[in-house]
Amino acid sequence: MTKIPTKETIKRRTISDMKGLGVHKTQYNRLIDIYSELVYQYLKLNDEFETGGYQYESYTAAGGAKKSPIVATLESLRKDILAYSDRLCLNPKSTMQPNNNGGDKNKSTLASVLSNLE
């Protein structure tokens, strides 16, 4: 069992990462709070899933198998975390877009010349 960081630790690391990428603004702190809570929930549930022996199926009253509720929750949290990480510019895809600070580094020579013509 690994030690799960607190929500505040996740928030501090997120802010630090965003500052390192040059995309942090204090106006984003509410989104960072939500993102931190989602990551905390994901880590906590993932630990429970691991402790439970990765029980990915549960059985219905009719005798059939279905996806375990914890697996469905983990999948949902992953999608939510990805969406928030995009908005907070915390993943490679979001930092490569031209309208973000990280995108200018990867601008082609042609794109640079064309943008100077305006």
PDB file of N, CA and C in Angstrom:
ATOM      1  N   MET A   1       0.844  -1.184   0.000  1.00  0.00           N
ATOM      2  CA  MET A   1       0.000   0.000   0.000  1.00  0.00           C
ATOM      3  C   MET A   1       0.888   1.245   0.000  1.00  0.00           C
ATOM      4  N   THR A   2       0.661   2.111  -0.954  1.00  0.00           N
ATOM      5  CA  THR A   2       1.450   3.329  -1.049  1.00  0.00           C
ATOM      6  C   THR A   2       0.765   4.466  -0.309  1.00  0.00           C
ATOM      7  N   LYS A   3       1.567   5.430   0.083  1.00  0.00           N
ATOM      8  CA  LYS A   3       1.011   6.589   0.781  1.00  0.00           C
ATOM      9  C   LYS A   3       0.368   7.516  -0.244  1.00  0.00           C
ATOM     10  N   ILE A   4      -0.867   7.846  -0.009  1.00  0.00           N
ATOM     11  CA  ILE A   4      -1.625   8.716  -0.917  1.00  0.00           C
ATOM     12  C   ILE A   4      -1.415  10.165  -0.474  1.00  0.00           C
ATOM     13  N   PRO A   5      -0.981  11.028  -1.406  1.00  0.00           N
ATOM     14  CA  PRO A   5      -0.812  12.432  -1.037  1.00  0.00           C
ATOM     15  C   PRO A   5      -2.161  13.079  -0.718  1.00  0.00           C
ATOM     16  N   THR A   6      -2.119  14.076   0.130  1.00  0.00           N
ATOM     17  CA  THR A   6      -3.349  14.778   0.482  1.00  0.00           C
ATOM     18  C   THR A   6      -3.792  15.662  -0.679  1.00  0.00           C
ATOM     19  N   LYS A   7      -5.021  16.116  -0.585  1.00  0.00           N
ATOM     20  CA  LYS A   7      -5.553  17.015  -1.614  1.00  0.00           C
ATOM     21  C   LYS A   7      -4.712  18.286  -1.682  1.00  0.00           C
ATOM     22  N   GLU A   8      -4.289  18.797  -0.533  1.00  0.00           N
ATOM     23  CA  GLU A   8      -3.477  20.017  -0.492  1.00  0.00           C
ATOM     24  C   GLU A   8      -2.116  19.802  -1.141  1.00  0.00           C
ATOM     25  N   THR A   9      -1.522  18.636  -0.926  1.00  0.00           N
ATOM     26  CA  THR A   9      -0.237  18.318  -1.558  1.00  0.00           C
ATOM     27  C   THR A   9      -0.401  18.267  -3.073  1.00  0.00           C
ATOM     28  N   ILE A  10      -1.472  17.626  -3.528  1.00  0.00           N
ATOM     29  CA  ILE A  10      -1.743  17.553  -4.968  1.00  0.00           C
ATOM     30  C   ILE A  10      -1.949  18.956  -5.529  1.00  0.00           C
ATOM     31  N   LYS A  11      -2.658  19.789  -4.795  1.00  0.00           N
ATOM     32  CA  LYS A  11      -2.907  21.163  -5.245  1.00  0.00           C
ATOM     33  C   LYS A  11      -1.597  21.940  -5.351  1.00  0.00           C
ATOM     34  N   ARG A  12      -0.748  21.838  -4.329  1.00  0.00           N
ATOM     35  CA  ARG A  12       0.541  22.547  -4.363  1.00  0.00           C
ATOM     36  C   ARG A  12       1.404  22.069  -5.532  1.00  0.00           C
ATOM     37  N   ARG A  13       1.438  20.759  -5.754  1.00  0.00           N
ATOM     38  CA  ARG A  13       2.230  20.221  -6.870  1.00  0.00           C
ATOM     39  C   ARG A  13       1.664  20.669  -8.220  1.00  0.00           C
ATOM     40  N   THR A  14       0.350  20.708  -8.309  1.00  0.00           N
ATOM     41  CA  THR A  14      -0.294  21.147  -9.552  1.00  0.00           C
ATOM     42  C   THR A  14       0.059  22.600  -9.850  1.00  0.00           C
ATOM     43  N   ILE A  15      -0.046  23.453  -8.844  1.00  0.00           N
ATOM     44  CA  ILE A  15       0.293  24.868  -9.017  1.00  0.00           C
ATOM     45  C   ILE A  15       1.763  25.011  -9.398  1.00  0.00           C
ATOM     46  N   SER A  16       2.618  24.244  -8.739  1.00  0.00           N
ATOM     47  CA  SER A  16       4.049  24.272  -9.050  1.00  0.00           C
ATOM     48  C   SER A  16       4.304  23.838 -10.498  1.00  0.00           C
ATOM     49  N   ASP A  17       3.640  22.777 -10.928  1.00  0.00           N
ATOM     50  CA  ASP A  17       3.780  22.304 -12.310  1.00  0.00           C
ATOM     51  C   ASP A  17       3.299  23.364 -13.297  1.00  0.00           C
ATOM     52  N   MET A  18       2.168  23.991 -12.984  1.00  0.00           N
ATOM     53  CA  MET A  18       1.620  25.005 -13.880  1.00  0.00           C
ATOM     54  C   MET A  18       2.550  26.221 -13.951  1.00  0.00           C
ATOM     55  N   LYS A  19       3.124  26.606 -12.809  1.00  0.00           N
ATOM     56  CA  LYS A  19       4.072  27.726 -12.811  1.00  0.00           C
ATOM     57  C   LYS A  19       5.296  27.370 -13.641  1.00  0.00           C
ATOM     58  N   GLY A  20       5.746  26.124 -13.527  1.00  0.00           N
ATOM     59  CA  GLY A  20       6.885  25.666 -14.308  1.00  0.00           C
ATOM     60  C   GLY A  20       6.616  25.714 -15.804  1.00  0.00           C
ATOM     61  N   LEU A  21       5.377  25.478 -16.186  1.00  0.00           N
ATOM     62  CA  LEU A  21       4.988  25.531 -17.594  1.00  0.00           C
ATOM     63  C   LEU A  21       4.620  26.948 -18.041  1.00  0.00           C
ATOM     64  N   GLY A  22       4.532  27.859 -17.074  1.00  0.00           N
ATOM     65  CA  GLY A  22       4.189  29.243 -17.394  1.00  0.00           C
ATOM     66  C   GLY A  22       2.721  29.455 -17.703  1.00  0.00           C
ATOM     67  N   VAL A  23       1.842  28.621 -17.132  1.00  0.00           N
ATOM     68  CA  VAL A  23       0.415  28.743 -17.440  1.00  0.00           C
ATOM     69  C   VAL A  23      -0.451  29.007 -16.206  1.00  0.00           C
ATOM     70  N   HIS A  24       0.156  29.230 -15.047  1.00  0.00           N
ATOM     71  CA  HIS A  24      -0.649  29.421 -13.830  1.00  0.00           C
ATOM     72  C   HIS A  24      -1.127  30.859 -13.696  1.00  0.00           C
ATOM     73  N   LYS A  25      -2.391  30.981 -13.334  1.00  0.00           N
ATOM     74  CA  LYS A  25      -2.992  32.253 -12.953  1.00  0.00           C
ATOM     75  C   LYS A  25      -3.832  31.975 -11.717  1.00  0.00           C
ATOM     76  N   THR A  26      -3.903  32.930 -10.813  1.00  0.00           N
ATOM     77  CA  THR A  26      -4.664  32.706  -9.578  1.00  0.00           C
ATOM     78  C   THR A  26      -6.143  32.471  -9.862  1.00  0.00           C
ATOM     79  N   GLN A  27      -6.640  32.956 -10.981  1.00  0.00           N
ATOM     80  CA  GLN A  27      -8.041  32.754 -11.341  1.00  0.00           C
ATOM     81  C   GLN A  27      -8.359  31.282 -11.582  1.00  0.00           C
ATOM     82  N   TYR A  28      -7.354  30.469 -11.811  1.00  0.00           N
ATOM     83  CA  TYR A  28      -7.558  29.039 -12.060  1.00  0.00           C
ATOM     84  C   TYR A  28      -7.663  28.217 -10.773  1.00  0.00           C
ATOM     85  N   ASN A  29      -7.498  28.840  -9.627  1.00  0.00           N
ATOM     86  CA  ASN A  29      -7.426  28.078  -8.379  1.00  0.00           C
ATOM     87  C   ASN A  29      -8.679  27.268  -8.066  1.00  0.00           C
ATOM     88  N   ARG A  30      -9.848  27.749  -8.458  1.00  0.00           N
ATOM     89  CA  ARG A  30     -11.066  26.937  -8.245  1.00  0.00           C
ATOM     90  C   ARG A  30     -11.025  25.663  -9.076  1.00  0.00           C
ATOM     91  N   LEU A  31     -10.582  25.787 -10.330  1.00  0.00           N
ATOM     92  CA  LEU A  31     -10.440  24.595 -11.168  1.00  0.00           C
ATOM     93  C   LEU A  31      -9.367  23.660 -10.610  1.00  0.00           C
ATOM     94  N   ILE A  32      -8.309  24.246 -10.090  1.00  0.00           N
ATOM     95  CA  ILE A  32      -7.238  23.444  -9.497  1.00  0.00           C
ATOM     96  C   ILE A  32      -7.759  22.693  -8.282  1.00  0.00           C
ATOM     97  N   ASP A  33      -8.625  23.321  -7.490  1.00  0.00           N
ATOM     98  CA  ASP A  33      -9.243  22.640  -6.340  1.00  0.00           C
ATOM     99  C   ASP A  33     -10.024  21.412  -6.791  1.00  0.00           C
ATOM    100  N   ILE A  34     -10.828  21.582  -7.817  1.00  0.00           N
ATOM    101  CA  ILE A  34     -11.636  20.467  -8.326  1.00  0.00           C
ATOM    102  C   ILE A  34     -10.729  19.373  -8.878  1.00  0.00           C
ATOM    103  N   TYR A  35      -9.744  19.779  -9.664  1.00  0.00           N
ATOM    104  CA  TYR A  35      -8.786  18.826 -10.235  1.00  0.00           C
ATOM    105  C   TYR A  35      -8.072  18.050  -9.123  1.00  0.00           C
ATOM    106  N   SER A  36      -7.644  18.755  -8.093  1.00  0.00           N
ATOM    107  CA  SER A  36      -6.942  18.113  -6.972  1.00  0.00           C
ATOM    108  C   SER A  36      -7.834  17.102  -6.264  1.00  0.00           C
ATOM    109  N   GLU A  37      -9.094  17.450  -6.081  1.00  0.00           N
ATOM    110  CA  GLU A  37     -10.046  16.530  -5.459  1.00  0.00           C
ATOM    111  C   GLU A  37     -10.242  15.284  -6.322  1.00  0.00           C
ATOM    112  N   LEU A  38     -10.360  15.468  -7.631  1.00  0.00           N
ATOM    113  CA  LEU A  38     -10.527  14.334  -8.535  1.00  0.00           C
ATOM    114  C   LEU A  38      -9.314  13.404  -8.488  1.00  0.00           C
ATOM    115  N   VAL A  39      -8.116  13.990  -8.518  1.00  0.00           N
ATOM    116  CA  VAL A  39      -6.892  13.179  -8.474  1.00  0.00           C
ATOM    117  C   VAL A  39      -6.816  12.440  -7.135  1.00  0.00           C
ATOM    118  N   TYR A  40      -7.151  13.130  -6.048  1.00  0.00           N
ATOM    119  CA  TYR A  40      -7.145  12.482  -4.729  1.00  0.00           C
ATOM    120  C   TYR A  40      -8.122  11.298  -4.692  1.00  0.00           C
ATOM    121  N   GLN A  41      -9.336  11.516  -5.179  1.00  0.00           N
ATOM    122  CA  GLN A  41     -10.326  10.435  -5.208  1.00  0.00           C
ATOM    123  C   GLN A  41      -9.833   9.271  -6.050  1.00  0.00           C
ATOM    124  N   TYR A  42      -9.235   9.585  -7.198  1.00  0.00           N
ATOM    125  CA  TYR A  42      -8.728   8.536  -8.078  1.00  0.00           C
ATOM    126  C   TYR A  42      -7.648   7.718  -7.372  1.00  0.00           C
ATOM    127  N   LEU A  43      -6.695   8.387  -6.742  1.00  0.00           N
ATOM    128  CA  LEU A  43      -5.614   7.677  -6.052  1.00  0.00           C
ATOM    129  C   LEU A  43      -6.149   6.816  -4.913  1.00  0.00           C
ATOM    130  N   LYS A  44      -7.113   7.357  -4.178  1.00  0.00           N
ATOM    131  CA  LYS A  44      -7.700   6.618  -3.050  1.00  0.00           C
ATOM    132  C   LYS A  44      -8.466   5.385  -3.550  1.00  0.00           C
ATOM    133  N   LEU A  45      -9.291   5.567  -4.568  1.00  0.00           N
ATOM    134  CA  LEU A  45     -10.042   4.428  -5.113  1.00  0.00           C
ATOM    135  C   LEU A  45      -9.129   3.403  -5.773  1.00  0.00           C
ATOM    136  N   ASN A  46      -8.093   3.876  -6.446  1.00  0.00           N
ATOM    137  CA  ASN A  46      -7.152   2.960  -7.073  1.00  0.00           C
ATOM    138  C   ASN A  46      -6.438   2.118  -6.020  1.00  0.00           C
ATOM    139  N   ASP A  47      -6.130   2.728  -4.883  1.00  0.00           N
ATOM    140  CA  ASP A  47      -5.515   1.988  -3.771  1.00  0.00           C
ATOM    141  C   ASP A  47      -6.483   0.930  -3.239  1.00  0.00           C
ATOM    142  N   GLU A  48      -7.756   1.297  -3.092  1.00  0.00           N
ATOM    143  CA  GLU A  48      -8.764   0.324  -2.649  1.00  0.00           C
ATOM    144  C   GLU A  48      -8.907  -0.813  -3.657  1.00  0.00           C
ATOM    145  N   PHE A  49      -8.869  -0.476  -4.935  1.00  0.00           N
ATOM    146  CA  PHE A  49      -8.970  -1.465  -6.002  1.00  0.00           C
ATOM    147  C   PHE A  49      -7.793  -2.445  -5.934  1.00  0.00           C
ATOM    148  N   GLU A  50      -6.603  -1.897  -5.711  1.00  0.00           N
ATOM    149  CA  GLU A  50      -5.406  -2.730  -5.580  1.00  0.00           C
ATOM    150  C   GLU A  50      -5.491  -3.613  -4.340  1.00  0.00           C
ATOM    151  N   THR A  51      -5.906  -3.036  -3.224  1.00  0.00           N
ATOM    152  CA  THR A  51      -6.035  -3.780  -1.969  1.00  0.00           C
ATOM    153  C   THR A  51      -7.067  -4.898  -2.102  1.00  0.00           C
ATOM    154  N   GLY A  52      -8.115  -4.658  -2.866  1.00  0.00           N
ATOM    155  CA  GLY A  52      -9.169  -5.648  -3.073  1.00  0.00           C
ATOM    156  C   GLY A  52      -8.818  -6.719  -4.086  1.00  0.00           C
ATOM    157  N   GLY A  53      -7.569  -6.719  -4.554  1.00  0.00           N
ATOM    158  CA  GLY A  53      -7.145  -7.755  -5.487  1.00  0.00           C
ATOM    159  C   GLY A  53      -7.582  -7.505  -6.919  1.00  0.00           C
ATOM    160  N   TYR A  54      -7.807  -6.254  -7.287  1.00  0.00           N
ATOM    161  CA  TYR A  54      -8.212  -5.883  -8.651  1.00  0.00           C
ATOM    162  C   TYR A  54      -9.465  -6.630  -9.103  1.00  0.00           C
ATOM    163  N   GLN A  55     -10.460  -6.630  -8.244  1.00  0.00           N
ATOM    164  CA  GLN A  55     -11.741  -7.275  -8.550  1.00  0.00           C
ATOM    165  C   GLN A  55     -12.479  -6.409  -9.565  1.00  0.00           C
ATOM    166  N   TYR A  56     -12.360  -6.752 -10.857  1.00  0.00           N
ATOM    167  CA  TYR A  56     -12.914  -5.915 -11.920  1.00  0.00           C
ATOM    168  C   TYR A  56     -14.312  -6.317 -12.348  1.00  0.00           C
ATOM    169  N   GLU A  57     -14.801  -7.449 -11.867  1.00  0.00           N
ATOM    170  CA  GLU A  57     -16.162  -7.872 -12.191  1.00  0.00           C
ATOM    171  C   GLU A  57     -16.936  -8.149 -10.911  1.00  0.00           C
ATOM    172  N   SER A  58     -18.216  -7.888 -10.977  1.00  0.00           N
ATOM    173  CA  SER A  58     -19.119  -8.294  -9.901  1.00  0.00           C
ATOM    174  C   SER A  58     -20.255  -9.074 -10.554  1.00  0.00           C
ATOM    175  N   TYR A  59     -20.906  -9.861  -9.761  1.00  0.00           N
ATOM    176  CA  TYR A  59     -21.945 -10.742 -10.314  1.00  0.00           C
ATOM    177  C   TYR A  59     -23.325 -10.220  -9.971  1.00  0.00           C
ATOM    178  N   THR A  60     -24.201 -10.307 -10.931  1.00  0.00           N
ATOM    179  CA  THR A  60     -25.576  -9.842 -10.760  1.00  0.00           C
ATOM    180  C   THR A  60     -26.407 -10.931 -10.098  1.00  0.00           C
ATOM    181  N   ALA A  61     -27.614 -10.575  -9.689  1.00  0.00           N
ATOM    182  CA  ALA A  61     -28.515 -11.544  -9.062  1.00  0.00           C
ATOM    183  C   ALA A  61     -28.897 -12.644 -10.053  1.00  0.00           C
ATOM    184  N   ALA A  62     -28.882 -12.312 -11.334  1.00  0.00           N
ATOM    185  CA  ALA A  62     -29.231 -13.290 -12.357  1.00  0.00           C
ATOM    186  C   ALA A  62     -28.069 -14.240 -12.677  1.00  0.00           C
ATOM    187  N   GLY A  63     -26.922 -13.996 -12.045  1.00  0.00           N
ATOM    188  CA  GLY A  63     -25.781 -14.882 -12.247  1.00  0.00           C
ATOM    189  C   GLY A  63     -24.799 -14.408 -13.293  1.00  0.00           C
ATOM    190  N   GLY A  64     -25.082 -13.308 -13.951  1.00  0.00           N
ATOM    191  CA  GLY A  64     -24.163 -12.779 -14.961  1.00  0.00           C
ATOM    192  C   GLY A  64     -23.099 -11.896 -14.323  1.00  0.00           C
ATOM    193  N   ALA A  65     -22.082 -11.601 -15.082  1.00  0.00           N
ATOM    194  CA  ALA A  65     -21.008 -10.732 -14.605  1.00  0.00           C
ATOM    195  C   ALA A  65     -21.147  -9.353 -15.228  1.00  0.00           C
ATOM    196  N   LYS A  66     -20.797  -8.345 -14.457  1.00  0.00           N
ATOM    197  CA  LYS A  66     -20.781  -6.977 -14.974  1.00  0.00           C
ATOM    198  C   LYS A  66     -19.566  -6.265 -14.396  1.00  0.00           C
ATOM    199  N   LYS A  67     -19.250  -5.131 -14.981  1.00  0.00           N
ATOM    200  CA  LYS A  67     -18.111  -4.339 -14.526  1.00  0.00           C
ATOM    201  C   LYS A  67     -18.340  -3.917 -13.074  1.00  0.00           C
ATOM    202  N   SER A  68     -17.311  -4.064 -12.273  1.00  0.00           N
ATOM    203  CA  SER A  68     -17.385  -3.672 -10.874  1.00  0.00           C
ATOM    204  C   SER A  68     -17.636  -2.168 -10.766  1.00  0.00           C
ATOM    205  N   PRO A  69     -18.419  -1.734  -9.786  1.00  0.00           N
ATOM    206  CA  PRO A  69     -18.683  -0.296  -9.625  1.00  0.00           C
ATOM    207  C   PRO A  69     -17.402   0.529  -9.428  1.00  0.00           C
ATOM    208  N   ILE A  70     -16.416  -0.031  -8.754  1.00  0.00           N
ATOM    209  CA  ILE A  70     -15.175   0.721  -8.534  1.00  0.00           C
ATOM    210  C   ILE A  70     -14.432   0.939  -9.847  1.00  0.00           C
ATOM    211  N   VAL A  71     -14.501  -0.026 -10.763  1.00  0.00           N
ATOM    212  CA  VAL A  71     -13.862   0.124 -12.075  1.00  0.00           C
ATOM    213  C   VAL A  71     -14.571   1.211 -12.877  1.00  0.00           C
ATOM    214  N   ALA A  72     -15.873   1.208 -12.851  1.00  0.00           N
ATOM    215  CA  ALA A  72     -16.638   2.238 -13.566  1.00  0.00           C
ATOM    216  C   ALA A  72     -16.320   3.628 -13.005  1.00  0.00           C
ATOM    217  N   THR A  73     -16.202   3.734 -11.698  1.00  0.00           N
ATOM    218  CA  THR A  73     -15.873   5.013 -11.069  1.00  0.00           C
ATOM    219  C   THR A  73     -14.472   5.460 -11.445  1.00  0.00           C
ATOM    220  N   LEU A  74     -13.514   4.528 -11.439  1.00  0.00           N
ATOM    221  CA  LEU A  74     -12.144   4.861 -11.828  1.00  0.00           C
ATOM    222  C   LEU A  74     -12.092   5.353 -13.280  1.00  0.00           C
ATOM    223  N   GLU A  75     -12.826   4.704 -14.161  1.00  0.00           N
ATOM    224  CA  GLU A  75     -12.865   5.122 -15.567  1.00  0.00           C
ATOM    225  C   GLU A  75     -13.438   6.531 -15.700  1.00  0.00           C
ATOM    226  N   SER A  76     -14.494   6.795 -14.970  1.00  0.00           N
ATOM    227  CA  SER A  76     -15.115   8.116 -15.010  1.00  0.00           C
ATOM    228  C   SER A  76     -14.156   9.186 -14.475  1.00  0.00           C
ATOM    229  N   LEU A  77     -13.476   8.869 -13.386  1.00  0.00           N
ATOM    230  CA  LEU A  77     -12.510   9.816 -12.824  1.00  0.00           C
ATOM    231  C   LEU A  77     -11.363  10.077 -13.794  1.00  0.00           C
ATOM    232  N   ARG A  78     -10.898   9.042 -14.473  1.00  0.00           N
ATOM    233  CA  ARG A  78      -9.826   9.225 -15.460  1.00  0.00           C
ATOM    234  C   ARG A  78     -10.250  10.213 -16.539  1.00  0.00           C
ATOM    235  N   LYS A  79     -11.461  10.071 -17.040  1.00  0.00           N
ATOM    236  CA  LYS A  79     -11.965  10.978 -18.075  1.00  0.00           C
ATOM    237  C   LYS A  79     -12.059  12.410 -17.552  1.00  0.00           C
ATOM    238  N   ASP A  80     -12.565  12.549 -16.325  1.00  0.00           N
ATOM    239  CA  ASP A  80     -12.685  13.879 -15.734  1.00  0.00           C
ATOM    240  C   ASP A  80     -11.315  14.510 -15.507  1.00  0.00           C
ATOM    241  N   ILE A  81     -10.365  13.722 -15.007  1.00  0.00           N
ATOM    242  CA  ILE A  81      -9.009  14.225 -14.766  1.00  0.00           C
ATOM    243  C   ILE A  81      -8.378  14.663 -16.076  1.00  0.00           C
ATOM    244  N   LEU A  82      -8.568  13.886 -17.123  1.00  0.00           N
ATOM    245  CA  LEU A  82      -8.024  14.248 -18.432  1.00  0.00           C
ATOM    246  C   LEU A  82      -8.622  15.562 -18.918  1.00  0.00           C
ATOM    247  N   ALA A  83      -9.920  15.730 -18.765  1.00  0.00           N
ATOM    248  CA  ALA A  83     -10.577  16.967 -19.202  1.00  0.00           C
ATOM    249  C   ALA A  83     -10.031  18.175 -18.427  1.00  0.00           C
ATOM    250  N   TYR A  84      -9.893  18.040 -17.116  1.00  0.00           N
ATOM    251  CA  TYR A  84      -9.364  19.142 -16.311  1.00  0.00           C
ATOM    252  C   TYR A  84      -7.893  19.393 -16.615  1.00  0.00           C
ATOM    253  N   SER A  85      -7.114  18.332 -16.832  1.00  0.00           N
ATOM    254  CA  SER A  85      -5.697  18.531 -17.139  1.00  0.00           C
ATOM    255  C   SER A  85      -5.529  19.246 -18.474  1.00  0.00           C
ATOM    256  N   ASP A  86      -6.442  19.003 -19.421  1.00  0.00           N
ATOM    257  CA  ASP A  86      -6.430  19.754 -20.678  1.00  0.00           C
ATOM    258  C   ASP A  86      -6.672  21.239 -20.415  1.00  0.00           C
ATOM    259  N   ARG A  87      -7.686  21.535 -19.630  1.00  0.00           N
ATOM    260  CA  ARG A  87      -8.034  22.930 -19.344  1.00  0.00           C
ATOM    261  C   ARG A  87      -6.930  23.657 -18.580  1.00  0.00           C
ATOM    262  N   LEU A  88      -6.221  22.925 -17.739  1.00  0.00           N
ATOM    263  CA  LEU A  88      -5.165  23.522 -16.932  1.00  0.00           C
ATOM    264  C   LEU A  88      -3.801  23.457 -17.624  1.00  0.00           C
ATOM    265  N   CYS A  89      -3.772  22.966 -18.868  1.00  0.00           N
ATOM    266  CA  CYS A  89      -2.550  22.861 -19.677  1.00  0.00           C
ATOM    267  C   CYS A  89      -1.488  21.999 -18.997  1.00  0.00           C
ATOM    268  N   LEU A  90      -1.905  20.868 -18.463  1.00  0.00           N
ATOM    269  CA  LEU A  90      -0.993  19.986 -17.736  1.00  0.00           C
ATOM    270  C   LEU A  90      -0.610  18.723 -18.495  1.00  0.00           C
ATOM    271  N   ASN A  91      -0.949  18.653 -19.759  1.00  0.00           N
ATOM    272  CA  ASN A  91      -0.541  17.474 -20.516  1.00  0.00           C
ATOM    273  C   ASN A  91       0.068  17.927 -21.843  1.00  0.00           C
ATOM    274  N   PRO A  92       0.844  17.056 -22.476  1.00  0.00           N
ATOM    275  CA  PRO A  92       1.541  17.455 -23.703  1.00  0.00           C
ATOM    276  C   PRO A  92       0.624  17.971 -24.802  1.00  0.00           C
ATOM    277  N   LYS A  93      -0.526  17.362 -24.974  1.00  0.00           N
ATOM    278  CA  LYS A  93      -1.432  17.791 -26.047  1.00  0.00           C
ATOM    279  C   LYS A  93      -1.857  19.244 -25.867  1.00  0.00           C
ATOM    280  N   SER A  94      -2.203  19.615 -24.648  1.00  0.00           N
ATOM    281  CA  SER A  94      -2.692  20.973 -24.409  1.00  0.00           C
ATOM    282  C   SER A  94      -1.574  22.011 -24.483  1.00  0.00           C
ATOM    283  N   THR A  95      -0.346  21.640 -24.179  1.00  0.00           N
ATOM    284  CA  THR A  95       0.749  22.620 -24.242  1.00  0.00           C
ATOM    285  C   THR A  95       1.313  22.778 -25.642  1.00  0.00           C
ATOM    286  N   MET A  96       0.969  21.900 -26.566  1.00  0.00           N
ATOM    287  CA  MET A  96       1.476  21.982 -27.933  1.00  0.00           C
ATOM    288  C   MET A  96       0.592  22.841 -28.837  1.00  0.00           C
ATOM    289  N   GLN A  97      -0.571  23.224 -28.389  1.00  0.00           N
ATOM    290  CA  GLN A  97      -1.470  24.020 -29.216  1.00  0.00           C
ATOM    291  C   GLN A  97      -0.919  25.435 -29.348  1.00  0.00           C
ATOM    292  N   PRO A  98      -1.011  26.037 -30.535  1.00  0.00           N
ATOM    293  CA  PRO A  98      -0.402  27.343 -30.794  1.00  0.00           C
ATOM    294  C   PRO A  98      -0.893  28.470 -29.890  1.00  0.00           C
ATOM    295  N   ASN A  99      -2.111  28.403 -29.379  1.00  0.00           N
ATOM    296  CA  ASN A  99      -2.622  29.497 -28.557  1.00  0.00           C
ATOM    297  C   ASN A  99      -2.137  29.425 -27.114  1.00  0.00           C
ATOM    298  N   ASN A 100      -1.350  28.408 -26.750  1.00  0.00           N
ATOM    299  CA  ASN A 100      -0.790  28.288 -25.412  1.00  0.00           C
ATOM    300  C   ASN A 100       0.673  28.690 -25.433  1.00  0.00           C
ATOM    301  N   ASN A 101       1.224  28.997 -24.268  1.00  0.00           N
ATOM    302  CA  ASN A 101       2.616  29.423 -24.172  1.00  0.00           C
ATOM    303  C   ASN A 101       3.583  28.388 -24.725  1.00  0.00           C
ATOM    304  N   GLY A 102       3.329  27.106 -24.504  1.00  0.00           N
ATOM    305  CA  GLY A 102       4.228  26.060 -24.950  1.00  0.00           C
ATOM    306  C   GLY A 102       4.226  25.869 -26.448  1.00  0.00           C
ATOM    307  N   GLY A 103       3.215  26.330 -27.140  1.00  0.00           N
ATOM    308  CA  GLY A 103       3.103  26.098 -28.570  1.00  0.00           C
ATOM    309  C   GLY A 103       4.047  26.941 -29.397  1.00  0.00           C
ATOM    310  N   ASP A 104       4.473  28.116 -28.913  1.00  0.00           N
ATOM    311  CA  ASP A 104       5.339  28.988 -29.690  1.00  0.00           C
ATOM    312  C   ASP A 104       6.707  28.365 -29.931  1.00  0.00           C
ATOM    313  N   LYS A 105       7.178  27.539 -29.016  1.00  0.00           N
ATOM    314  CA  LYS A 105       8.470  26.888 -29.167  1.00  0.00           C
ATOM    315  C   LYS A 105       8.470  25.958 -30.371  1.00  0.00           C
ATOM    316  N   ASN A 106       7.327  25.386 -30.695  1.00  0.00           N
ATOM    317  CA  ASN A 106       7.236  24.406 -31.757  1.00  0.00           C
ATOM    318  C   ASN A 106       6.689  25.000 -33.060  1.00  0.00           C
ATOM    319  N   LYS A 107       6.612  26.300 -33.153  1.00  0.00           N
ATOM    320  CA  LYS A 107       6.065  26.948 -34.335  1.00  0.00           C
ATOM    321  C   LYS A 107       7.053  26.781 -35.489  1.00  0.00           C
ATOM    322  N   SER A 108       6.539  26.416 -36.632  1.00  0.00           N
ATOM    323  CA  SER A 108       7.401  26.220 -37.794  1.00  0.00           C
ATOM    324  C   SER A 108       7.894  27.564 -38.318  1.00  0.00           C
ATOM    325  N   THR A 109       8.930  27.506 -39.125  1.00  0.00           N
ATOM    326  CA  THR A 109       9.478  28.728 -39.718  1.00  0.00           C
ATOM    327  C   THR A 109       8.441  29.413 -40.592  1.00  0.00           C
ATOM    328  N   LEU A 110       7.717  28.621 -41.377  1.00  0.00           N
ATOM    329  CA  LEU A 110       6.673  29.177 -42.243  1.00  0.00           C
ATOM    330  C   LEU A 110       5.597  29.875 -41.413  1.00  0.00           C
ATOM    331  N   ALA A 111       5.171  29.225 -40.322  1.00  0.00           N
ATOM    332  CA  ALA A 111       4.146  29.814 -39.464  1.00  0.00           C
ATOM    333  C   ALA A 111       4.640  31.117 -38.842  1.00  0.00           C
ATOM    334  N   SER A 112       5.911  31.165 -38.462  1.00  0.00           N
ATOM    335  CA  SER A 112       6.490  32.388 -37.903  1.00  0.00           C
ATOM    336  C   SER A 112       6.477  33.524 -38.919  1.00  0.00           C
ATOM    337  N   VAL A 113       6.894  33.221 -40.158  1.00  0.00           N
ATOM    338  CA  VAL A 113       6.928  34.224 -41.218  1.00  0.00           C
ATOM    339  C   VAL A 113       5.517  34.729 -41.521  1.00  0.00           C
ATOM    340  N   LEU A 114       4.575  33.789 -41.631  1.00  0.00           N
ATOM    341  CA  LEU A 114       3.188  34.173 -41.944  1.00  0.00           C
ATOM    342  C   LEU A 114       2.565  35.007 -40.819  1.00  0.00           C
ATOM    343  N   SER A 115       2.882  34.705 -39.576  1.00  0.00           N
ATOM    344  CA  SER A 115       2.303  35.476 -38.475  1.00  0.00           C
ATOM    345  C   SER A 115       2.884  36.876 -38.426  1.00  0.00           C
ATOM    346  N   ASN A 116       4.099  37.053 -38.922  1.00  0.00           N
ATOM    347  CA  ASN A 116       4.720  38.393 -38.962  1.00  0.00           C
ATOM    348  C   ASN A 116       4.172  39.250 -40.099  1.00  0.00           C
ATOM    349  N   LEU A 117       3.485  38.640 -41.075  1.00  0.00           N
ATOM    350  CA  LEU A 117       2.931  39.394 -42.192  1.00  0.00           C
ATOM    351  C   LEU A 117       1.676  40.158 -41.822  1.00  0.00           C
ATOM    352  N   GLU A 118       1.055  39.805 -40.737  1.00  0.00           N
ATOM    353  CA  GLU A 118      -0.225  40.432 -40.357  1.00  0.00           C
ATOM    354  C   GLU A 118      -0.080  41.857 -39.954  1.00  0.00           C
TER     355      GLU A 118
END
